[in-house]
C-alpha atoms as a PDB file:
ATOM      1  CA  MET A   1    -108.697  77.800 115.122  1.00  0.00           C
ATOM      2  CA  SER A   2    -109.677  81.317 114.118  1.00  0.00           C
ATOM      3  CA  PHE A   3    -111.669  82.280 111.022  1.00  0.00           C
ATOM      4  CA  ALA A   4    -108.537  83.987 109.660  1.00  0.00           C
ATOM      5  CA  ARG A   5    -106.506  80.745 109.722  1.00  0.00           C
ATOM      6  CA  PHE A   6    -109.287  78.301 108.844  1.00  0.00           C
ATOM      7  CA  GLU A   7    -110.767  80.436 106.026  1.00  0.00           C
ATOM      8  CA  PRO A   8    -114.015  78.475 105.619  1.00  0.00           C
ATOM      9  CA  SER A   9    -116.451  78.874 102.753  1.00  0.00           C
ATOM     10  CA  PHE A  10    -119.079  81.614 103.002  1.00  0.00           C
ATOM     11  CA  ARG A  11    -121.800  79.187 104.096  1.00  0.00           C
ATOM     12  CA  LEU A  12    -119.696  77.575 106.821  1.00  0.00           C
ATOM     13  CA  ALA A  13    -118.494  80.954 108.059  1.00  0.00           C
ATOM     14  CA  LEU A  14    -122.039  82.325 108.131  1.00  0.00           C
ATOM     15  CA  LEU A  15    -123.231  79.194 109.937  1.00  0.00           C
ATOM     16  CA  CYS A  16    -120.511  79.646 112.559  1.00  0.00           C
ATOM     17  CA  SER A  17    -121.391  83.316 112.934  1.00  0.00           C
ATOM     18  CA  VAL A  18    -125.133  82.732 113.375  1.00  0.00           C
ATOM     19  CA  ALA A  19    -124.623  79.782 115.706  1.00  0.00           C
ATOM     20  CA  ALA A  20    -122.014  81.569 117.787  1.00  0.00           C
ATOM     21  CA  LEU A  21    -124.136  84.691 118.167  1.00  0.00           C
ATOM     22  CA  SER A  22    -127.191  82.632 119.087  1.00  0.00           C
ATOM     23  CA  ALA A  23    -125.262  80.639 121.669  1.00  0.00           C
ATOM     24  CA  GLY A  24    -123.384  83.685 122.966  1.00  0.00           C
ATOM     25  CA  ILE A  25    -119.869  82.414 122.228  1.00  0.00           C
ATOM     26  CA  ALA A  26    -116.946  83.722 120.247  1.00  0.00           C
ATOM     27  CA  GLY A  27    -116.563  81.368 117.277  1.00  0.00           C
ATOM     28  CA  CYS A  28    -116.218  77.903 115.786  1.00  0.00           C
ATOM     29  CA  ALA A  29    -113.209  75.657 115.999  1.00  0.00           C
ATOM     30  CA  THR A  30    -113.938  72.575 113.881  1.00  0.00           C
ATOM     31  CA  THR A  31    -116.601  71.104 111.672  1.00  0.00           C
ATOM     32  CA  SER A  32    -117.862  68.886 114.492  1.00  0.00           C
ATOM     33  CA  SER A  33    -118.244  71.839 116.854  1.00  0.00           C
ATOM     34  CA  THR A  34    -120.018  73.705 114.072  1.00  0.00           C
ATOM     35  CA  GLN A  35    -122.593  70.928 113.833  1.00  0.00           C
ATOM     36  CA  LYS A  36    -123.006  70.947 117.593  1.00  0.00           C
ATOM     37  CA  LEU A  37    -123.464  74.707 117.662  1.00  0.00           C
ATOM     38  CA  HIS A  38    -125.939  74.538 114.805  1.00  0.00           C
ATOM     39  CA  THR A  39    -128.066  72.043 116.716  1.00  0.00           C
ATOM     40  CA  ALA A  40    -127.668  73.842 120.038  1.00  0.00           C
ATOM     41  CA  SER A  41    -128.538  77.213 118.590  1.00  0.00           C
ATOM     42  CA  GLY A  42    -131.884  76.001 117.258  1.00  0.00           C
ATOM     43  CA  ILE A  43    -134.766  78.348 117.907  1.00  0.00           C
ATOM     44  CA  PRO A  44    -138.306  76.853 117.768  1.00  0.00           C
ATOM     45  CA  GLU A  45    -139.181  79.093 114.832  1.00  0.00           C
ATOM     46  CA  GLN A  46    -136.349  80.069 112.529  1.00  0.00           C
ATOM     47  CA  ARG A  47    -137.602  82.941 110.414  1.00  0.00           C
ATOM     48  CA  PHE A  48    -136.275  85.106 107.646  1.00  0.00           C
ATOM     49  CA  THR A  49    -137.385  88.633 108.552  1.00  0.00           C
ATOM     50  CA  MET A  50    -137.125  91.842 106.549  1.00  0.00           C
ATOM     51  CA  THR A  51    -138.534  95.035 108.075  1.00  0.00           C
ATOM     52  CA  GLY A  52    -138.588  98.663 107.057  1.00  0.00           C
ATOM     53  CA  ASN A  53    -140.838 101.714 106.966  1.00  0.00           C
ATOM     54  CA  GLY A  54    -144.363 100.327 106.755  1.00  0.00           C
ATOM     55  CA  PHE A  55    -143.533  96.812 105.603  1.00  0.00           C
ATOM     56  CA  GLN A  56    -142.479  93.433 106.962  1.00  0.00           C
ATOM     57  CA  THR A  57    -141.699  90.196 105.132  1.00  0.00           C
ATOM     58  CA  THR A  58    -141.370  87.006 107.155  1.00  0.00           C
ATOM     59  CA  ALA A  59    -140.989  83.334 106.314  1.00  0.00           C
ATOM     60  CA  LEU A  60    -140.374  80.254 108.435  1.00  0.00           C
ATOM     61  CA  ILE A  61    -137.325  78.535 106.906  1.00  0.00           C
ATOM     62  CA  THR A  62    -136.895  74.768 107.178  1.00  0.00           C
ATOM     63  CA  LYS A  63    -134.882  72.249 105.183  1.00  0.00           C
ATOM     64  CA  GLY A  64    -138.074  71.442 103.261  1.00  0.00           C
ATOM     65  CA  GLY A  65    -139.119  74.959 102.288  1.00  0.00           C
ATOM     66  CA  ALA A  66    -140.319  78.390 103.361  1.00  0.00           C
ATOM     67  CA  GLN A  67    -143.756  79.410 104.634  1.00  0.00           C
ATOM     68  CA  GLY A  68    -145.154  82.787 105.584  1.00  0.00           C
ATOM     69  CA  PRO A  69    -147.971  85.251 104.920  1.00  0.00           C
ATOM     70  CA  SER A  70    -146.880  85.781 101.298  1.00  0.00           C
ATOM     71  CA  VAL A  71    -144.751  82.689 100.644  1.00  0.00           C
ATOM     72  CA  ASP A  72    -145.484  78.960 100.511  1.00  0.00           C
ATOM     73  CA  ILE A  73    -142.724  77.075  98.724  1.00  0.00           C
ATOM     74  CA  GLY A  74    -141.236  73.614  98.993  1.00  0.00           C
ATOM     75  CA  ARG A  75    -137.764  72.302  98.205  1.00  0.00           C
ATOM     76  CA  TYR A  76    -137.942  68.969  96.417  1.00  0.00           C
ATOM     77  CA  GLU A  77    -135.278  66.393  95.541  1.00  0.00           C
ATOM     78  CA  ASP A  78    -132.807  68.016  97.959  1.00  0.00           C
ATOM     79  CA  GLY A  79    -133.273  71.429  96.369  1.00  0.00           C
ATOM     80  CA  LYS A  80    -133.267  70.389  92.694  1.00  0.00           C
ATOM     81  CA  ALA A  81    -136.794  71.789  92.364  1.00  0.00           C
ATOM     82  CA  ILE A  82    -138.522  74.679  94.127  1.00  0.00           C
ATOM     83  CA  ARG A  83    -142.286  74.977  93.727  1.00  0.00           C
ATOM     84  CA  GLY A  84    -145.164  76.850  95.350  1.00  0.00           C
ATOM     85  CA  THR A  85    -146.475  80.402  95.454  1.00  0.00           C
ATOM     86  CA  VAL A  86    -144.886  83.743  96.365  1.00  0.00           C
ATOM     87  CA  ASN A  87    -146.893  86.967  96.542  1.00  0.00           C
ATOM     88  CA  GLY A  88    -149.846  85.129  94.995  1.00  0.00           C
ATOM     89  CA  ARG A  89    -147.840  84.074  91.926  1.00  0.00           C
ATOM     90  CA  PRO A  90    -147.102  80.412  91.128  1.00  0.00           C
ATOM     91  CA  LEU A  91    -143.463  79.350  91.177  1.00  0.00           C
ATOM     92  CA  ASN A  92    -141.824  76.426  89.384  1.00  0.00           C
ATOM     93  CA  ILE A  93    -138.008  76.438  89.399  1.00  0.00           C
ATOM     94  CA  THR A  94    -135.551  73.734  88.313  1.00  0.00           C
ATOM     95  CA  VAL A  95    -132.068  73.772  89.840  1.00  0.00           C
ATOM     96  CA  SER A  96    -128.965  72.284  88.253  1.00  0.00           C
ATOM     97  CA  GLY A  97    -125.593  72.849  89.885  1.00  0.00           C
ATOM     98  CA  THR A  98    -125.158  76.586  90.329  1.00  0.00           C
ATOM     99  CA  HIS A  99    -128.034  77.576  87.998  1.00  0.00           C
ATOM    100  CA  ALA A 100    -131.780  77.938  88.630  1.00  0.00           C
ATOM    101  CA  ASP A 101    -134.301  78.424  85.846  1.00  0.00           C
ATOM    102  CA  GLY A 102    -138.077  78.564  85.688  1.00  0.00           C
ATOM    103  CA  GLN A 103    -141.255  80.596  85.925  1.00  0.00           C
ATOM    104  CA  TRP A 104    -142.500  82.919  88.627  1.00  0.00           C
ATOM    105  CA  GLY A 105    -145.963  84.122  87.738  1.00  0.00           C
ATOM    106  CA  SER A 106    -145.997  85.181  84.103  1.00  0.00           C
ATOM    107  CA  GLY A 107    -142.251  85.842  83.876  1.00  0.00           C
ATOM    108  CA  PRO A 108    -138.968  83.954  83.978  1.00  0.00           C
ATOM    109  CA  LEU A 109    -136.681  83.662  86.984  1.00  0.00           C
ATOM    110  CA  ASN A 110    -133.091  82.746  86.102  1.00  0.00           C
ATOM    111  CA  VAL A 111    -130.304  82.889  88.681  1.00  0.00           C
ATOM    112  CA  ASP A 112    -126.660  81.808  88.744  1.00  0.00           C
ATOM    113  CA  VAL A 113    -124.521  81.731  91.877  1.00  0.00           C
ATOM    114  CA  ASP A 114    -120.754  81.831  92.282  1.00  0.00           C
ATOM    115  CA  GLU A 115    -119.754  80.636  95.753  1.00  0.00           C
ATOM    116  CA  GLN A 116    -116.372  82.116  96.509  1.00  0.00           C
ATOM    117  CA  GLU A 117    -114.388  81.696  99.696  1.00  0.00           C
ATOM    118  CA  LYS A 118    -115.905  84.670 101.489  1.00  0.00           C
ATOM    119  CA  GLN A 119    -118.983  85.578  99.462  1.00  0.00           C
ATOM    120  CA  LEU A 120    -121.899  84.481  97.352  1.00  0.00           C
ATOM    121  CA  LYS A 121    -122.195  86.374  94.085  1.00  0.00           C
ATOM    122  CA  MET A 122    -125.582  86.052  92.382  1.00  0.00           C
ATOM    123  CA  THR A 123    -126.615  87.174  88.914  1.00  0.00           C
ATOM    124  CA  GLY A 124    -129.692  86.672  86.805  1.00  0.00           C
ATOM    125  CA  LEU A 125    -133.096  87.848  85.721  1.00  0.00           C
ATOM    126  CA  VAL A 126    -135.450  88.468  88.651  1.00  0.00           C
ATOM    127  CA  ALA A 127    -138.927  90.010  88.373  1.00  0.00           C
ATOM    128  CA  GLY A 128    -138.137  90.799  84.747  1.00  0.00           C
ATOM    129  CA  ARG A 129    -135.013  92.796  85.620  1.00  0.00           C
ATOM    130  CA  PRO A 130    -131.293  92.036  85.322  1.00  0.00           C
ATOM    131  CA  SER A 131    -130.006  91.526  88.863  1.00  0.00           C
ATOM    132  CA  THR A 132    -126.566  91.262  90.448  1.00  0.00           C
ATOM    133  CA  TRP A 133    -125.950  91.090  94.188  1.00  0.00           C
ATOM    134  CA  THR A 134    -123.391  89.799  96.673  1.00  0.00           C
ATOM    135  CA  ALA A 135    -123.712  88.477 100.212  1.00  0.00           C
ATOM    136  CA  THR A 136    -120.825  88.180 102.658  1.00  0.00           C
ATOM    137  CA  LEU A 137    -120.548  87.929 106.423  1.00  0.00           C
ATOM    138  CA  GLU A 138    -120.191  91.704 106.464  1.00  0.00           C
ATOM    139  CA  ALA A 139    -122.594  93.022 103.816  1.00  0.00           C
ATOM    140  CA  ILE A 140    -125.341  92.489 101.246  1.00  0.00           C
ATOM    141  CA  GLN A 141    -125.166  94.790  98.243  1.00  0.00           C
ATOM    142  CA  GLY A 142    -126.625  95.040  94.770  1.00  0.00           C
ATOM    143  CA  ASN A 143    -129.829  94.897  92.758  1.00  0.00           C
ATOM    144  CA  ILE A 144    -132.476  92.205  93.276  1.00  0.00           C
ATOM    145  CA  GLY A 145    -135.398  92.621  90.902  1.00  0.00           C
ATOM    146  CA  HIS A 146    -137.091  95.968  91.531  1.00  0.00           C
ATOM    147  CA  CYS A 147    -134.965  96.748  94.614  1.00  0.00           C
ATOM    148  CA  SER A 148    -131.399  97.841  95.375  1.00  0.00           C
ATOM    149  CA  TYR A 149    -129.712  97.034  98.699  1.00  0.00           C
ATOM    150  CA  ASP A 150    -126.773  98.418 100.656  1.00  0.00           C
ATOM    151  CA  MET A 151    -126.616  96.721 104.056  1.00  0.00           C
ATOM    152  CA  ARG A 152    -123.923  96.006 106.618  1.00  0.00           C
ATOM    153  CA  ARG A 153    -123.773  93.359 109.311  1.00  0.00           C
ATOM    154  CA  SER A 154    -124.899  94.514 112.759  1.00  0.00           C
ATOM    155  CA  GLY A 155    -125.087  91.698 115.322  1.00  0.00           C
ATOM    156  CA  GLN A 156    -127.290  88.981 113.811  1.00  0.00           C
ATOM    157  CA  ASP A 157    -128.893  91.383 111.323  1.00  0.00           C
ATOM    158  CA  TYR A 158    -127.990  93.165 108.133  1.00  0.00           C
ATOM    159  CA  VAL A 159    -128.918  96.850 108.473  1.00  0.00           C
ATOM    160  CA  GLY A 160    -128.899  99.583 105.856  1.00  0.00           C
ATOM    161  CA  SER A 161    -130.999 100.932 103.027  1.00  0.00           C
ATOM    162  CA  ARG A 162    -133.020  99.705 100.102  1.00  0.00           C
ATOM    163  CA  SER A 163    -134.462 101.496  97.128  1.00  0.00           C
ATOM    164  CA  CYS A 164    -137.579 100.151  95.421  1.00  0.00           C
ATOM    165  CA  ALA A 165    -139.409 102.097  92.716  1.00  0.00           C
ATOM    166  CA  GLY A 166    -137.464 105.274  93.410  1.00  0.00           C
ATOM    167  CA  GLY A 167    -137.739 105.742  97.188  1.00  0.00           C
ATOM    168  CA  ILE A 168    -134.884 104.977  99.597  1.00  0.00           C
ATOM    169  CA  SER A 169    -135.810 103.601 103.023  1.00  0.00           C
ATOM    170  CA  PRO A 170    -134.086 101.906 105.966  1.00  0.00           C
ATOM    171  CA  VAL A 171    -134.215  98.113 106.056  1.00  0.00           C
ATOM    172  CA  THR A 172    -133.199  95.339 108.445  1.00  0.00           C
ATOM    173  CA  VAL A 173    -132.813  91.721 107.324  1.00  0.00           C
ATOM    174  CA  GLU A 174    -132.239  88.652 109.502  1.00  0.00           C
ATOM    175  CA  PHE A 175    -131.443  85.186 108.173  1.00  0.00           C
ATOM    176  CA  PRO A 176    -132.025  82.143 110.389  1.00  0.00           C
ATOM    177  CA  SER A 177    -129.321  79.496 110.682  1.00  0.00           C
ATOM    178  CA  THR A 178    -131.702  76.982 109.051  1.00  0.00           C
ATOM    179  CA  ILE A 179    -131.198  78.698 105.698  1.00  0.00           C
ATOM    180  CA  LEU A 180    -127.717  77.174 105.655  1.00  0.00           C
ATOM    181  CA  GLU A 181    -129.264  73.733 105.168  1.00  0.00           C
ATOM    182  CA  TRP A 182    -130.053  74.984 101.648  1.00  0.00           C
ATOM    183  CA  GLN A 183    -127.579  74.873  98.763  1.00  0.00           C
ATOM    184  CA  PRO A 184    -126.100  78.264  97.721  1.00  0.00           C
ATOM    185  CA  ILE A 185    -128.233  78.372  94.566  1.00  0.00           C
ATOM    186  CA  ASN A 186    -131.357  77.703  96.670  1.00  0.00           C
ATOM    187  CA  ILE A 187    -130.361  80.585  98.982  1.00  0.00           C
ATOM    188  CA  ALA A 188    -129.986  82.841  95.930  1.00  0.00           C
ATOM    189  CA  VAL A 189    -133.470  81.882  94.695  1.00  0.00           C
ATOM    190  CA  LEU A 190    -134.987  82.510  98.128  1.00  0.00           C
ATOM    191  CA  MET A 191    -133.348  85.938  98.360  1.00  0.00           C
ATOM    192  CA  ALA A 192    -134.630  86.729  94.867  1.00  0.00           C
ATOM    193  CA  LEU A 193    -138.161  85.751  95.807  1.00  0.00           C
ATOM    194  CA  LEU A 194    -138.309  87.511  99.164  1.00  0.00           C
ATOM    195  CA  MET A 195    -136.265  90.646  98.424  1.00  0.00           C
ATOM    196  CA  SER A 196    -137.075  91.555  94.805  1.00  0.00           C
ATOM    197  CA  THR A 197    -140.383  93.377  95.148  1.00  0.00           C
ATOM    198  CA  PRO A 198    -141.510  96.416  97.170  1.00  0.00           C
END
């Protein structure tokens, strides 16, 4: 069954895409094959990676949290709480349904997510700034904290530009398939944390 006929949710479609690309096949047919592909496509270290001119942000993503040079957070109670540190600032977020609310450093972090059939739309206050961004299989666009993004899908990556504090630079972002073990609101919080500051 093709994507066009099956019309899965954004998360399932993205899972199929990542798994299929990792395994070198064309697509997903059913939920059971999706689970098989997800397991088969496992890479020993599944990392979120964002690279650009003179910077790189990486984090190992597991069902239990995210760890990297500037991030050490845990998901608790199946994602109902996210706690730890990011960029040296303490994080304490409570999640309820499609809303996340809490403190990151000295400021609030509030995010809402609307999971539509083919996209995640996220809005909120990130790094003290109103933020609105969307993620689909084809693109990530919008403002996340101090940064604006305009990226298109290219293979397993999103490639395009970002603007932080005035300057525009090229950027490449890769999401591991393990991120899809997180709820959509948890994914929105992670994107806010990892992509909102220069």
